[in-house]
Amino acid sequence: MNAVIMTGGKQYRIAEGQKLRVETLNSEEGQLVEFDKVLMAGEGDNVQVGAPYLEGGKVTATVLGHGRAKKVHIIKFRRRKNSKRQMGHRQNFTEVRIDAIEA
């Protein structure tokens, strides 16, 4: 079964058993997490769409760990002006494994 969930202001298309990197969650490693903002769930002809969320829709996941993504380099360069600014950013994430999807 596939589903679309919303967490951290972003939407993710998921399936059972899938590993996923989401915005940082306040959960310990190995702990179960529930996502209740399910936008859509189903497979084939049996698809349910929420307005905006499904009633009783729930996705259960296990936290695998926390980390930081690769560095994104930001460079502002103005030619012939002797002006250059550099910055970097590493976004925090939580990696989860989808265990069950209930619609």
Protein backbone atom coordinates (compact mmCIF):
# COMPACT_ATOMS: atom_id res chain seq x y z
CA MET A 1 0.00 0.00 0.00
CA ASN A 2 1.21 3.49 -0.84
CA ALA A 3 0.44 6.74 0.96
CA VAL A 4 1.24 10.44 0.94
CA ILE A 5 2.01 11.97 4.34
CA MET A 6 2.90 15.46 5.50
CA THR A 7 5.57 16.15 8.11
CA GLY A 8 7.87 19.10 8.64
CA GLY A 9 5.94 21.16 6.10
CA LYS A 10 6.78 18.73 3.29
CA GLN A 11 4.87 15.93 1.58
CA TYR A 12 6.34 12.47 1.06
CA ARG A 13 5.11 9.54 -1.05
CA ILE A 14 5.81 6.38 0.93
CA ALA A 15 5.38 2.60 0.90
CA GLU A 16 5.71 -0.02 3.63
CA GLY A 17 9.32 -0.99 4.37
CA GLN A 18 10.72 2.18 2.79
CA LYS A 19 13.49 4.19 4.46
CA LEU A 20 12.92 7.93 4.46
CA ARG A 21 14.76 11.07 5.57
CA VAL A 22 12.42 13.67 7.10
CA GLU A 23 12.90 16.90 8.99
CA THR A 24 14.27 16.44 12.52
CA LEU A 25 11.89 14.74 14.96
CA ASN A 26 12.17 14.84 18.76
CA SER A 27 12.38 11.06 19.16
CA GLU A 28 15.06 8.67 20.33
CA GLU A 29 16.65 6.08 18.08
CA GLY A 30 14.56 2.89 17.93
CA GLN A 31 11.39 4.64 19.09
CA LEU A 32 8.06 4.34 17.24
CA VAL A 33 6.66 7.48 15.59
CA GLU A 34 3.14 8.01 14.25
CA PHE A 35 2.29 10.35 11.39
CA ASP A 36 -1.40 11.27 11.49
CA LYS A 37 -1.42 13.75 8.61
CA VAL A 38 -2.18 11.25 5.84
CA LEU A 39 -3.24 13.02 2.63
CA MET A 40 -3.84 9.95 0.47
CA ALA A 41 -3.65 6.18 0.82
CA GLY A 42 -4.38 3.16 -1.33
CA GLU A 43 -3.27 1.15 -4.30
CA GLY A 44 -4.70 0.55 -7.77
CA ASP A 45 -8.42 1.31 -7.95
CA ASN A 46 -8.81 1.42 -4.16
CA VAL A 47 -7.47 4.94 -3.44
CA GLN A 48 -8.74 7.21 -0.68
CA VAL A 49 -8.09 10.95 -0.81
CA GLY A 50 -8.49 13.15 2.25
CA ALA A 51 -9.95 16.63 2.48
CA PRO A 52 -7.33 17.66 3.59
CA TYR A 53 -6.48 14.59 5.74
CA LEU A 54 -7.91 11.08 5.90
CA GLU A 55 -10.17 10.32 8.86
CA GLY A 56 -8.44 7.67 10.98
CA GLY A 57 -5.42 7.58 8.69
CA LYS A 58 -2.17 6.72 10.45
CA VAL A 59 1.35 5.74 9.46
CA THR A 60 3.67 4.04 11.95
CA ALA A 61 7.44 4.30 11.56
CA THR A 62 10.60 3.41 13.50
CA VAL A 63 13.36 5.98 14.01
CA LEU A 64 16.63 4.59 12.64
CA GLY A 65 18.84 7.55 13.50
CA HIS A 66 19.59 11.23 13.24
CA GLY A 67 22.16 12.95 11.05
CA ARG A 68 23.14 15.88 8.91
CA ALA A 69 23.01 16.09 5.13
CA LYS A 70 25.91 16.99 2.87
CA LYS A 71 27.01 20.60 2.84
CA VAL A 72 25.34 22.96 0.40
CA HIS A 73 27.68 25.74 -0.72
CA ILE A 74 26.27 29.22 -1.22
CA ILE A 75 28.42 31.69 -3.17
CA LYS A 76 27.55 35.28 -4.00
CA PHE A 77 29.98 36.69 -6.53
CA ARG A 78 29.92 40.08 -8.22
CA ARG A 79 32.29 40.26 -11.14
CA ARG A 80 34.74 43.18 -11.40
CA LYS A 81 33.61 44.51 -7.98
CA ASN A 82 36.12 42.65 -5.79
CA SER A 83 33.14 41.23 -3.88
CA LYS A 84 32.62 37.61 -2.93
CA ARG A 85 30.68 35.96 -0.06
CA GLN A 86 30.70 32.28 0.80
CA MET A 87 28.50 30.32 3.17
CA GLY A 88 27.62 26.69 3.78
CA HIS A 89 24.63 24.90 5.26
CA ARG A 90 24.03 21.36 6.54
CA GLN A 91 20.40 20.41 7.15
CA ASN A 92 19.54 18.12 10.08
CA PHE A 93 17.39 15.05 9.35
CA THR A 94 15.84 12.00 10.99
CA GLU A 95 15.89 8.69 9.12
CA VAL A 96 12.78 6.53 9.60
CA ARG A 97 11.56 3.15 8.30
CA ILE A 98 7.86 2.88 7.44
CA ASP A 99 6.34 -0.10 9.28
CA ALA A 100 2.58 0.12 8.71
CA ILE A 101 0.07 2.22 6.79
CA GLU A 102 -3.54 2.37 8.04
CA ALA A 103 -6.22 4.15 6.04
